[in-house]
PDB file of N, CA and C in Angstrom:
ATOM      1  N   MET A   1    -131.076-139.904 -74.912  1.00  0.00           N
ATOM      2  CA  MET A   1    -130.079-139.179 -75.661  1.00  0.00           C
ATOM      3  C   MET A   1    -130.559-138.837 -77.062  1.00  0.00           C
ATOM      4  N   ASP A   2    -131.472-139.639 -77.605  1.00  0.00           N
ATOM      5  CA  ASP A   2    -131.966-139.354 -78.948  1.00  0.00           C
ATOM      6  C   ASP A   2    -132.662-137.999 -79.009  1.00  0.00           C
ATOM      7  N   PHE A   3    -133.384-137.656 -77.961  1.00  0.00           N
ATOM      8  CA  PHE A   3    -134.110-136.386 -77.938  1.00  0.00           C
ATOM      9  C   PHE A   3    -133.144-135.207 -78.010  1.00  0.00           C
ATOM     10  N   VAL A   4    -132.022-135.283 -77.294  1.00  0.00           N
ATOM     11  CA  VAL A   4    -131.043-134.208 -77.295  1.00  0.00           C
ATOM     12  C   VAL A   4    -130.410-134.061 -78.662  1.00  0.00           C
ATOM     13  N   SER A   5    -130.081-135.165 -79.302  1.00  0.00           N
ATOM     14  CA  SER A   5    -129.449-135.073 -80.618  1.00  0.00           C
ATOM     15  C   SER A   5    -130.432-134.544 -81.660  1.00  0.00           C
ATOM     16  N   GLU A   6    -131.708-134.872 -81.538  1.00  0.00           N
ATOM     17  CA  GLU A   6    -132.699-134.349 -82.476  1.00  0.00           C
ATOM     18  C   GLU A   6    -132.874-132.845 -82.277  1.00  0.00           C
ATOM     19  N   ALA A   7    -132.920-132.392 -81.039  1.00  0.00           N
ATOM     20  CA  ALA A   7    -133.057-130.964 -80.761  1.00  0.00           C
ATOM     21  C   ALA A   7    -131.834-130.215 -81.269  1.00  0.00           C
ATOM     22  N   TRP A   8    -130.662-130.809 -81.131  1.00  0.00           N
ATOM     23  CA  TRP A   8    -129.427-130.173 -81.601  1.00  0.00           C
ATOM     24  C   TRP A   8    -129.443-130.054 -83.114  1.00  0.00           C
ATOM     25  N   ALA A   9    -129.922-131.071 -83.765  1.00  0.00           N
ATOM     26  CA  ALA A   9    -129.975-131.073 -85.224  1.00  0.00           C
ATOM     27  C   ALA A   9    -130.972-130.037 -85.729  1.00  0.00           C
ATOM     28  N   GLN A  10    -132.079-129.855 -85.034  1.00  0.00           N
ATOM     29  CA  GLN A  10    -133.073-128.877 -85.456  1.00  0.00           C
ATOM     30  C   GLN A  10    -132.567-127.454 -85.265  1.00  0.00           C
ATOM     31  N   SER A  11    -131.812-127.229 -84.229  1.00  0.00           N
ATOM     32  CA  SER A  11    -131.351-125.874 -83.965  1.00  0.00           C
ATOM     33  C   SER A  11    -130.233-125.460 -84.914  1.00  0.00           C
ATOM     34  N   GLU A  12    -129.473-126.403 -85.459  1.00  0.00           N
ATOM     35  CA  GLU A  12    -128.391-126.058 -86.366  1.00  0.00           C
ATOM     36  C   GLU A  12    -128.915-125.512 -87.688  1.00  0.00           C
ATOM     37  N   GLY A  13    -130.024-126.010 -88.157  1.00  0.00           N
ATOM     38  CA  GLY A  13    -130.553-125.581 -89.442  1.00  0.00           C
ATOM     39  C   GLY A  13    -131.362-124.293 -89.350  1.00  0.00           C
ATOM     40  N   ALA A  14    -131.720-123.870 -88.158  1.00  0.00           N
ATOM     41  CA  ALA A  14    -132.563-122.684 -87.995  1.00  0.00           C
ATOM     42  C   ALA A  14    -131.720-121.432 -88.137  1.00  0.00           C
ATOM     43  N   THR A  15    -132.231-120.497 -88.882  1.00  0.00           N
ATOM     44  CA  THR A  15    -131.539-119.210 -89.028  1.00  0.00           C
ATOM     45  C   THR A  15    -132.268-118.181 -88.181  1.00  0.00           C
ATOM     46  N   PRO A  16    -131.518-117.340 -87.476  1.00  0.00           N
ATOM     47  CA  PRO A  16    -132.181-116.328 -86.657  1.00  0.00           C
ATOM     48  C   PRO A  16    -132.905-115.324 -87.542  1.00  0.00           C
ATOM     49  N   ASP A  17    -134.123-115.017 -87.182  1.00  0.00           N
ATOM     50  CA  ASP A  17    -134.957-114.111 -87.969  1.00  0.00           C
ATOM     51  C   ASP A  17    -135.242-112.870 -87.130  1.00  0.00           C
ATOM     52  N   ALA A  18    -135.046-111.693 -87.710  1.00  0.00           N
ATOM     53  CA  ALA A  18    -135.250-110.446 -86.962  1.00  0.00           C
ATOM     54  C   ALA A  18    -136.716-110.252 -86.595  1.00  0.00           C
ATOM     55  N   SER A  19    -137.621-110.660 -87.468  1.00  0.00           N
ATOM     56  CA  SER A  19    -139.050-110.472 -87.167  1.00  0.00           C
ATOM     57  C   SER A  19    -139.492-111.371 -86.019  1.00  0.00           C
ATOM     58  N   ALA A  20    -138.875-112.537 -85.877  1.00  0.00           N
ATOM     59  CA  ALA A  20    -139.219-113.424 -84.767  1.00  0.00           C
ATOM     60  C   ALA A  20    -138.801-112.795 -83.441  1.00  0.00           C
ATOM     61  N   GLY A  21    -137.685-112.075 -83.441  1.00  0.00           N
ATOM     62  CA  GLY A  21    -137.250-111.389 -82.224  1.00  0.00           C
ATOM     63  C   GLY A  21    -138.201-110.274 -81.840  1.00  0.00           C
ATOM     64  N   LEU A  22    -138.688-109.545 -82.831  1.00  0.00           N
ATOM     65  CA  LEU A  22    -139.646-108.469 -82.557  1.00  0.00           C
ATOM     66  C   LEU A  22    -140.991-109.021 -82.119  1.00  0.00           C
ATOM     67  N   LEU A  23    -141.399-110.138 -82.700  1.00  0.00           N
ATOM     68  CA  LEU A  23    -142.664-110.752 -82.315  1.00  0.00           C
ATOM     69  C   LEU A  23    -142.636-111.244 -80.869  1.00  0.00           C
ATOM     70  N   SER A  24    -141.473-111.638 -80.399  1.00  0.00           N
ATOM     71  CA  SER A  24    -141.386-112.108 -79.014  1.00  0.00           C
ATOM     72  C   SER A  24    -141.493-110.950 -78.016  1.00  0.00           C
ATOM     73  N   LEU A  25    -141.286-109.719 -78.473  1.00  0.00           N
ATOM     74  CA  LEU A  25    -141.415-108.558 -77.588  1.00  0.00           C
ATOM     75  C   LEU A  25    -142.851-108.054 -77.462  1.00  0.00           C
ATOM     76  N   ILE A  26    -143.706-108.439 -78.388  1.00  0.00           N
ATOM     77  CA  ILE A  26    -145.088-107.945 -78.380  1.00  0.00           C
ATOM     78  C   ILE A  26    -145.821-108.259 -77.076  1.00  0.00           C
ATOM     79  N   PRO A  27    -145.735-109.464 -76.512  1.00  0.00           N
ATOM     80  CA  PRO A  27    -146.432-109.714 -75.242  1.00  0.00           C
ATOM     81  C   PRO A  27    -145.951-108.790 -74.108  1.00  0.00           C
ATOM     82  N   PHE A  28    -144.658-108.500 -74.068  1.00  0.00           N
ATOM     83  CA  PHE A  28    -144.139-107.615 -73.025  1.00  0.00           C
ATOM     84  C   PHE A  28    -144.653-106.186 -73.200  1.00  0.00           C
ATOM     85  N   VAL A  29    -144.735-105.744 -74.440  1.00  0.00           N
ATOM     86  CA  VAL A  29    -145.265-104.399 -74.710  1.00  0.00           C
ATOM     87  C   VAL A  29    -146.737-104.330 -74.318  1.00  0.00           C
ATOM     88  N   LEU A  30    -147.495-105.357 -74.652  1.00  0.00           N
ATOM     89  CA  LEU A  30    -148.914-105.388 -74.294  1.00  0.00           C
ATOM     90  C   LEU A  30    -149.108-105.405 -72.780  1.00  0.00           C
ATOM     91  N   ILE A  31    -148.285-106.167 -72.079  1.00  0.00           N
ATOM     92  CA  ILE A  31    -148.372-106.197 -70.613  1.00  0.00           C
ATOM     93  C   ILE A  31    -148.066-104.826 -70.040  1.00  0.00           C
ATOM     94  N   PHE A  32    -147.062-104.141 -70.561  1.00  0.00           N
ATOM     95  CA  PHE A  32    -146.739-102.793 -70.085  1.00  0.00           C
ATOM     96  C   PHE A  32    -147.898-101.830 -70.322  1.00  0.00           C
ATOM     97  N   ILE A  33    -148.535-101.923 -71.490  1.00  0.00           N
ATOM     98  CA  ILE A  33    -149.663-101.039 -71.797  1.00  0.00           C
ATOM     99  C   ILE A  33    -150.818-101.297 -70.833  1.00  0.00           C
ATOM    100  N   VAL A  34    -151.100-102.560 -70.557  1.00  0.00           N
ATOM    101  CA  VAL A  34    -152.171-102.885 -69.608  1.00  0.00           C
ATOM    102  C   VAL A  34    -151.839-102.353 -68.224  1.00  0.00           C
ATOM    103  N   PHE A  35    -150.615-102.557 -67.764  1.00  0.00           N
ATOM    104  CA  PHE A  35    -150.213-102.031 -66.459  1.00  0.00           C
ATOM    105  C   PHE A  35    -150.324-100.515 -66.414  1.00  0.00           C
ATOM    106  N   TYR A  36    -149.959 -99.856 -67.487  1.00  0.00           N
ATOM    107  CA  TYR A  36    -150.026 -98.393 -67.517  1.00  0.00           C
ATOM    108  C   TYR A  36    -151.459 -97.917 -67.327  1.00  0.00           C
ATOM    109  N   PHE A  37    -152.390 -98.491 -68.069  1.00  0.00           N
ATOM    110  CA  PHE A  37    -153.769 -98.026 -67.992  1.00  0.00           C
ATOM    111  C   PHE A  37    -154.493 -98.499 -66.738  1.00  0.00           C
ATOM    112  N   LEU A  38    -154.088 -99.627 -66.166  1.00  0.00           N
ATOM    113  CA  LEU A  38    -154.772-100.128 -64.974  1.00  0.00           C
ATOM    114  C   LEU A  38    -154.140 -99.670 -63.662  1.00  0.00           C
ATOM    115  N   LEU A  39    -152.857 -99.378 -63.642  1.00  0.00           N
ATOM    116  CA  LEU A  39    -152.175 -99.045 -62.388  1.00  0.00           C
ATOM    117  C   LEU A  39    -151.572 -97.649 -62.374  1.00  0.00           C
ATOM    118  N   ILE A  40    -150.777 -97.323 -63.356  1.00  0.00           N
ATOM    119  CA  ILE A  40    -150.003 -96.083 -63.323  1.00  0.00           C
ATOM    120  C   ILE A  40    -150.885 -94.859 -63.553  1.00  0.00           C
ATOM    121  N   LEU A  41    -151.707 -94.861 -64.581  1.00  0.00           N
ATOM    122  CA  LEU A  41    -152.539 -93.708 -64.907  1.00  0.00           C
ATOM    123  C   LEU A  41    -153.545 -93.375 -63.802  1.00  0.00           C
ATOM    124  N   PRO A  42    -154.286 -94.348 -63.233  1.00  0.00           N
ATOM    125  CA  PRO A  42    -155.196 -94.004 -62.132  1.00  0.00           C
ATOM    126  C   PRO A  42    -154.462 -93.445 -60.903  1.00  0.00           C
ATOM    127  N   GLN A  43    -153.272 -93.956 -60.606  1.00  0.00           N
ATOM    128  CA  GLN A  43    -152.502 -93.451 -59.472  1.00  0.00           C
ATOM    129  C   GLN A  43    -152.081 -92.004 -59.718  1.00  0.00           C
ATOM    130  N   GLN A  44    -151.672 -91.675 -60.932  1.00  0.00           N
ATOM    131  CA  GLN A  44    -151.305 -90.293 -61.245  1.00  0.00           C
ATOM    132  C   GLN A  44    -152.503 -89.365 -61.113  1.00  0.00           C
ATOM    133  N   ARG A  45    -153.675 -89.824 -61.516  1.00  0.00           N
ATOM    134  CA  ARG A  45    -154.887 -89.020 -61.377  1.00  0.00           C
ATOM    135  C   ARG A  45    -155.223 -88.772 -59.914  1.00  0.00           C
ATOM    136  N   ARG A  46    -155.095 -89.814 -59.067  1.00  0.00           N
ATOM    137  CA  ARG A  46    -155.356 -89.646 -57.628  1.00  0.00           C
ATOM    138  C   ARG A  46    -154.373 -88.660 -57.002  1.00  0.00           C
ATOM    139  N   GLN A  47    -153.100 -88.751 -57.376  1.00  0.00           N
ATOM    140  CA  GLN A  47    -152.105 -87.835 -56.840  1.00  0.00           C
ATOM    141  C   GLN A  47    -152.385 -86.402 -57.255  1.00  0.00           C
ATOM    142  N   LYS A  48    -152.800 -86.196 -58.489  1.00  0.00           N
ATOM    143  CA  LYS A  48    -153.120 -84.855 -58.966  1.00  0.00           C
ATOM    144  C   LYS A  48    -154.326 -84.297 -58.216  1.00  0.00           C
ATOM    145  N   LYS A  49    -155.341 -85.117 -58.012  1.00  0.00           N
ATOM    146  CA  LYS A  49    -156.541 -84.694 -57.280  1.00  0.00           C
ATOM    147  C   LYS A  49    -156.190 -84.331 -55.836  1.00  0.00           C
ATOM    148  N   GLN A  50    -155.333 -85.136 -55.184  1.00  0.00           N
ATOM    149  CA  GLN A  50    -154.930 -84.865 -53.805  1.00  0.00           C
ATOM    150  C   GLN A  50    -154.110 -83.581 -53.732  1.00  0.00           C
ATOM    151  N   ARG A  51    -153.220 -83.359 -54.696  1.00  0.00           N
ATOM    152  CA  ARG A  51    -152.409 -82.138 -54.731  1.00  0.00           C
ATOM    153  C   ARG A  51    -153.302 -80.906 -54.877  1.00  0.00           C
ATOM    154  N   GLU A  52    -154.313 -80.989 -55.751  1.00  0.00           N
ATOM    155  CA  GLU A  52    -155.249 -79.875 -55.925  1.00  0.00           C
ATOM    156  C   GLU A  52    -156.048 -79.618 -54.656  1.00  0.00           C
ATOM    157  N   LEU A  53    -156.437 -80.695 -53.955  1.00  0.00           N
ATOM    158  CA  LEU A  53    -157.170 -80.546 -52.703  1.00  0.00           C
ATOM    159  C   LEU A  53    -156.310 -79.832 -51.663  1.00  0.00           C
ATOM    160  N   LEU A  54    -155.046 -80.218 -51.553  1.00  0.00           N
ATOM    161  CA  LEU A  54    -154.166 -79.597 -50.561  1.00  0.00           C
ATOM    162  C   LEU A  54    -153.920 -78.122 -50.870  1.00  0.00           C
ATOM    163  N   GLU A  55    -153.873 -77.779 -52.156  1.00  0.00           N
ATOM    164  CA  GLU A  55    -153.697 -76.381 -52.530  1.00  0.00           C
ATOM    165  C   GLU A  55    -154.958 -75.567 -52.254  1.00  0.00           C
ATOM    166  N   ALA A  56    -156.117 -76.211 -52.256  1.00  0.00           N
ATOM    167  CA  ALA A  56    -157.384 -75.513 -52.060  1.00  0.00           C
ATOM    168  C   ALA A  56    -157.747 -75.315 -50.592  1.00  0.00           C
ATOM    169  N   VAL A  57    -157.056 -76.006 -49.677  1.00  0.00           N
ATOM    170  CA  VAL A  57    -157.376 -75.873 -48.253  1.00  0.00           C
ATOM    171  C   VAL A  57    -157.078 -74.449 -47.800  1.00  0.00           C
ATOM    172  N   LYS A  58    -158.034 -73.870 -47.078  1.00  0.00           N
ATOM    173  CA  LYS A  58    -157.843 -72.514 -46.574  1.00  0.00           C
ATOM    174  C   LYS A  58    -158.321 -72.433 -45.138  1.00  0.00           C
ATOM    175  N   LYS A  59    -158.006 -71.341 -44.491  1.00  0.00           N
ATOM    176  CA  LYS A  59    -158.371 -71.128 -43.097  1.00  0.00           C
ATOM    177  C   LYS A  59    -159.888 -71.152 -42.959  1.00  0.00           C
ATOM    178  N   GLY A  60    -160.377 -71.882 -41.975  1.00  0.00           N
ATOM    179  CA  GLY A  60    -161.813 -71.990 -41.724  1.00  0.00           C
ATOM    180  C   GLY A  60    -162.461 -73.213 -42.342  1.00  0.00           C
ATOM    181  N   ASP A  61    -161.742 -73.938 -43.212  1.00  0.00           N
ATOM    182  CA  ASP A  61    -162.295 -75.155 -43.813  1.00  0.00           C
ATOM    183  C   ASP A  61    -162.422 -76.249 -42.765  1.00  0.00           C
ATOM    184  N   LYS A  62    -163.458 -77.046 -42.903  1.00  0.00           N
ATOM    185  CA  LYS A  62    -163.626 -78.219 -42.044  1.00  0.00           C
ATOM    186  C   LYS A  62    -163.081 -79.405 -42.821  1.00  0.00           C
ATOM    187  N   VAL A  63    -162.106 -80.098 -42.240  1.00  0.00           N
ATOM    188  CA  VAL A  63    -161.397 -81.159 -42.949  1.00  0.00           C
ATOM    189  C   VAL A  63    -161.399 -82.453 -42.160  1.00  0.00           C
ATOM    190  N   ILE A  64    -161.057 -83.524 -42.855  1.00  0.00           N
ATOM    191  CA  ILE A  64    -160.844 -84.829 -42.242  1.00  0.00           C
ATOM    192  C   ILE A  64    -159.422 -85.250 -42.580  1.00  0.00           C
ATOM    193  N   THR A  65    -158.667 -85.690 -41.579  1.00  0.00           N
ATOM    194  CA  THR A  65    -157.292 -86.107 -41.812  1.00  0.00           C
ATOM    195  C   THR A  65    -157.251 -87.573 -42.238  1.00  0.00           C
ATOM    196  N   SER A  66    -156.094 -88.020 -42.668  1.00  0.00           N
ATOM    197  CA  SER A  66    -155.940 -89.410 -43.091  1.00  0.00           C
ATOM    198  C   SER A  66    -156.099 -90.384 -41.925  1.00  0.00           C
ATOM    199  N   SER A  67    -155.934 -89.907 -40.701  1.00  0.00           N
ATOM    200  CA  SER A  67    -156.127 -90.776 -39.538  1.00  0.00           C
ATOM    201  C   SER A  67    -157.550 -90.693 -38.993  1.00  0.00           C
ATOM    202  N   GLY A  68    -158.419 -89.917 -39.655  1.00  0.00           N
ATOM    203  CA  GLY A  68    -159.826 -89.876 -39.263  1.00  0.00           C
ATOM    204  C   GLY A  68    -160.191 -88.768 -38.297  1.00  0.00           C
ATOM    205  N   ILE A  69    -159.303 -87.828 -38.055  1.00  0.00           N
ATOM    206  CA  ILE A  69    -159.598 -86.724 -37.142  1.00  0.00           C
ATOM    207  C   ILE A  69    -160.352 -85.641 -37.901  1.00  0.00           C
ATOM    208  N   TRP A  70    -161.462 -85.201 -37.331  1.00  0.00           N
ATOM    209  CA  TRP A  70    -162.255 -84.135 -37.918  1.00  0.00           C
ATOM    210  C   TRP A  70    -161.898 -82.843 -37.212  1.00  0.00           C
ATOM    211  N   GLY A  71    -161.681 -81.776 -37.970  1.00  0.00           N
ATOM    212  CA  GLY A  71    -161.336 -80.511 -37.346  1.00  0.00           C
ATOM    213  C   GLY A  71    -161.520 -79.349 -38.300  1.00  0.00           C
ATOM    214  N   THR A  72    -161.293 -78.150 -37.748  1.00  0.00           N
ATOM    215  CA  THR A  72    -161.394 -76.918 -38.522  1.00  0.00           C
ATOM    216  C   THR A  72    -160.014 -76.301 -38.626  1.00  0.00           C
ATOM    217  N   VAL A  73    -159.628 -75.888 -39.826  1.00  0.00           N
ATOM    218  CA  VAL A  73    -158.310 -75.307 -40.060  1.00  0.00           C
ATOM    219  C   VAL A  73    -158.266 -73.928 -39.417  1.00  0.00           C
ATOM    220  N   THR A  74    -157.284 -73.732 -38.523  1.00  0.00           N
ATOM    221  CA  THR A  74    -157.119 -72.420 -37.889  1.00  0.00           C
ATOM    222  C   THR A  74    -155.872 -71.705 -38.375  1.00  0.00           C
ATOM    223  N   ASN A  75    -154.897 -72.452 -38.858  1.00  0.00           N
ATOM    224  CA  ASN A  75    -153.660 -71.839 -39.332  1.00  0.00           C
ATOM    225  C   ASN A  75    -153.036 -72.732 -40.399  1.00  0.00           C
ATOM    226  N   LEU A  76    -152.468 -72.113 -41.424  1.00  0.00           N
ATOM    227  CA  LEU A  76    -151.799 -72.842 -42.497  1.00  0.00           C
ATOM    228  C   LEU A  76    -150.377 -72.340 -42.640  1.00  0.00           C
ATOM    229  N   ASP A  77    -149.445 -73.265 -42.714  1.00  0.00           N
ATOM    230  CA  ASP A  77    -148.065 -72.960 -43.048  1.00  0.00           C
ATOM    231  C   ASP A  77    -147.754 -73.688 -44.349  1.00  0.00           C
ATOM    232  N   LYS A  78    -146.515 -73.548 -44.793  1.00  0.00           N
ATOM    233  CA  LYS A  78    -146.118 -74.224 -46.029  1.00  0.00           C
ATOM    234  C   LYS A  78    -146.176 -75.739 -45.865  1.00  0.00           C
ATOM    235  N   GLU A  79    -145.747 -76.243 -44.726  1.00  0.00           N
ATOM    236  CA  GLU A  79    -145.675 -77.685 -44.496  1.00  0.00           C
ATOM    237  C   GLU A  79    -146.708 -78.208 -43.506  1.00  0.00           C
ATOM    238  N   THR A  80    -147.287 -77.345 -42.666  1.00  0.00           N
ATOM    239  CA  THR A  80    -148.151 -77.810 -41.591  1.00  0.00           C
ATOM    240  C   THR A  80    -149.524 -77.146 -41.633  1.00  0.00           C
ATOM    241  N   VAL A  81    -150.452 -77.780 -40.933  1.00  0.00           N
ATOM    242  CA  VAL A  81    -151.811 -77.276 -40.765  1.00  0.00           C
ATOM    243  C   VAL A  81    -152.130 -77.373 -39.274  1.00  0.00           C
ATOM    244  N   THR A  82    -152.756 -76.340 -38.725  1.00  0.00           N
ATOM    245  CA  THR A  82    -153.214 -76.390 -37.347  1.00  0.00           C
ATOM    246  C   THR A  82    -154.720 -76.566 -37.368  1.00  0.00           C
ATOM    247  N   LEU A  83    -155.190 -77.618 -36.700  1.00  0.00           N
ATOM    248  CA  LEU A  83    -156.619 -77.924 -36.655  1.00  0.00           C
ATOM    249  C   LEU A  83    -157.151 -77.724 -35.248  1.00  0.00           C
ATOM    250  N   GLN A  84    -158.335 -77.165 -35.176  1.00  0.00           N
ATOM    251  CA  GLN A  84    -159.032 -77.091 -33.895  1.00  0.00           C
ATOM    252  C   GLN A  84    -160.001 -78.253 -33.888  1.00  0.00           C
ATOM    253  N   VAL A  85    -159.793 -79.186 -32.946  1.00  0.00           N
ATOM    254  CA  VAL A  85    -160.612 -80.391 -32.899  1.00  0.00           C
ATOM    255  C   VAL A  85    -161.640 -80.344 -31.776  1.00  0.00           C
ATOM    256  N   ALA A  86    -161.461 -79.436 -30.808  1.00  0.00           N
ATOM    257  CA  ALA A  86    -162.425 -79.215 -29.727  1.00  0.00           C
ATOM    258  C   ALA A  86    -162.302 -77.746 -29.329  1.00  0.00           C
ATOM    259  N   ASP A  87    -163.069 -77.330 -28.319  1.00  0.00           N
ATOM    260  CA  ASP A  87    -163.075 -75.916 -27.946  1.00  0.00           C
ATOM    261  C   ASP A  87    -161.682 -75.386 -27.611  1.00  0.00           C
ATOM    262  N   ASN A  88    -160.941 -76.068 -26.790  1.00  0.00           N
ATOM    263  CA  ASN A  88    -159.619 -75.605 -26.389  1.00  0.00           C
ATOM    264  C   ASN A  88    -158.510 -76.538 -26.849  1.00  0.00           C
ATOM    265  N   THR A  89    -158.761 -77.299 -27.887  1.00  0.00           N
ATOM    266  CA  THR A  89    -157.771 -78.280 -28.332  1.00  0.00           C
ATOM    267  C   THR A  89    -157.404 -78.022 -29.791  1.00  0.00           C
ATOM    268  N   LYS A  90    -156.123 -77.759 -30.004  1.00  0.00           N
ATOM    269  CA  LYS A  90    -155.604 -77.572 -31.354  1.00  0.00           C
ATOM    270  C   LYS A  90    -154.468 -78.553 -31.560  1.00  0.00           C
ATOM    271  N   ILE A  91    -154.390 -79.095 -32.748  1.00  0.00           N
ATOM    272  CA  ILE A  91    -153.294 -79.993 -33.090  1.00  0.00           C
ATOM    273  C   ILE A  91    -152.633 -79.489 -34.360  1.00  0.00           C
ATOM    274  N   ARG A  92    -151.364 -79.797 -34.473  1.00  0.00           N
ATOM    275  CA  ARG A  92    -150.597 -79.389 -35.648  1.00  0.00           C
ATOM    276  C   ARG A  92    -150.127 -80.655 -36.347  1.00  0.00           C
ATOM    277  N   LEU A  93    -150.340 -80.716 -37.646  1.00  0.00           N
ATOM    278  CA  LEU A  93    -149.941 -81.895 -38.401  1.00  0.00           C
ATOM    279  C   LEU A  93    -149.450 -81.499 -39.780  1.00  0.00           C
ATOM    280  N   GLN A  94    -148.823 -82.443 -40.445  1.00  0.00           N
ATOM    281  CA  GLN A  94    -148.319 -82.172 -41.784  1.00  0.00           C
ATOM    282  C   GLN A  94    -149.481 -81.947 -42.738  1.00  0.00           C
ATOM    283  N   ARG A  95    -149.275 -81.044 -43.654  1.00  0.00           N
ATOM    284  CA  ARG A  95    -150.318 -80.679 -44.613  1.00  0.00           C
ATOM    285  C   ARG A  95    -150.740 -81.874 -45.473  1.00  0.00           C
ATOM    286  N   ASP A  96    -149.814 -82.785 -45.741  1.00  0.00           N
ATOM    287  CA  ASP A  96    -150.109 -83.947 -46.582  1.00  0.00           C
ATOM    288  C   ASP A  96    -151.135 -84.892 -45.964  1.00  0.00           C
ATOM    289  N   HIS A  97    -151.369 -84.790 -44.661  1.00  0.00           N
ATOM    290  CA  HIS A  97    -152.279 -85.710 -43.979  1.00  0.00           C
ATOM    291  C   HIS A  97    -153.734 -85.273 -44.040  1.00  0.00           C
ATOM    292  N   VAL A  98    -154.018 -84.147 -44.659  1.00  0.00           N
ATOM    293  CA  VAL A  98    -155.413 -83.759 -44.881  1.00  0.00           C
ATOM    294  C   VAL A  98    -155.920 -84.584 -46.043  1.00  0.00           C
ATOM    295  N   SER A  99    -156.962 -85.391 -45.796  1.00  0.00           N
ATOM    296  CA  SER A  99    -157.438 -86.288 -46.862  1.00  0.00           C
ATOM    297  C   SER A  99    -158.661 -85.761 -47.581  1.00  0.00           C
ATOM    298  N   SER A 100    -159.491 -84.970 -46.900  1.00  0.00           N
ATOM    299  CA  SER A 100    -160.662 -84.432 -47.595  1.00  0.00           C
ATOM    300  C   SER A 100    -161.190 -83.197 -46.873  1.00  0.00           C
ATOM    301  N   ILE A 101    -161.937 -82.407 -47.628  1.00  0.00           N
ATOM    302  CA  ILE A 101    -162.605 -81.242 -47.071  1.00  0.00           C
ATOM    303  C   ILE A 101    -164.057 -81.633 -46.871  1.00  0.00           C
ATOM    304  N   ARG A 102    -164.573 -81.405 -45.671  1.00  0.00           N
ATOM    305  CA  ARG A 102    -165.968 -81.761 -45.377  1.00  0.00           C
ATOM    306  C   ARG A 102    -166.916 -80.813 -46.081  1.00  0.00           C
ATOM    307  N   THR A 103    -168.017 -81.358 -46.519  1.00  0.00           N
ATOM    308  CA  THR A 103    -169.046 -80.522 -47.120  1.00  0.00           C
ATOM    309  C   THR A 103    -170.039 -80.087 -46.055  1.00  0.00           C
ATOM    310  N   SER A 104    -170.906 -79.167 -46.387  1.00  0.00           N
ATOM    311  CA  SER A 104    -171.847 -78.653 -45.405  1.00  0.00           C
ATOM    312  C   SER A 104    -172.873 -79.718 -44.989  1.00  0.00           C
ATOM    313  N   GLY A 105    -173.057 -80.760 -45.801  1.00  0.00           N
ATOM    314  CA  GLY A 105    -174.010 -81.817 -45.477  1.00  0.00           C
ATOM    315  C   GLY A 105    -173.516 -82.770 -44.408  1.00  0.00           C
ATOM    316  N   GLU A 106    -172.225 -82.821 -44.167  1.00  0.00           N
ATOM    317  CA  GLU A 106    -171.661 -83.716 -43.159  1.00  0.00           C
ATOM    318  C   GLU A 106    -171.707 -83.049 -41.808  1.00  0.00           C
ATOM    319  N   SER A 107    -172.022 -83.797 -40.770  1.00  0.00           N
ATOM    320  CA  SER A 107    -172.114 -83.199 -39.430  1.00  0.00           C
ATOM    321  C   SER A 107    -170.781 -83.101 -38.756  1.00  0.00           C
TER     322      SER A 107
END
């Protein structure tokens, strides 16, 4: 019980200080800044790069989908892409699932 009474006595004499309240927020602000630069900003850059890639896709491009299907774009709509994956095989999928455009060096 002595410990409780001593803690009570110490808290009665303490006056709340505005600068102490602001100082306690500094670690939270620093954590937010670290999260922003390590998580949020790189994700925004990846999304922008993917959006630019999807806008650049055109008929005749050789692409790879997010599920690993390799094909050639035969038709583009606002929401969908038609890929030719074999001689007589075409598939239609959402435009968002195109993950990359193949370069001429890839077989």
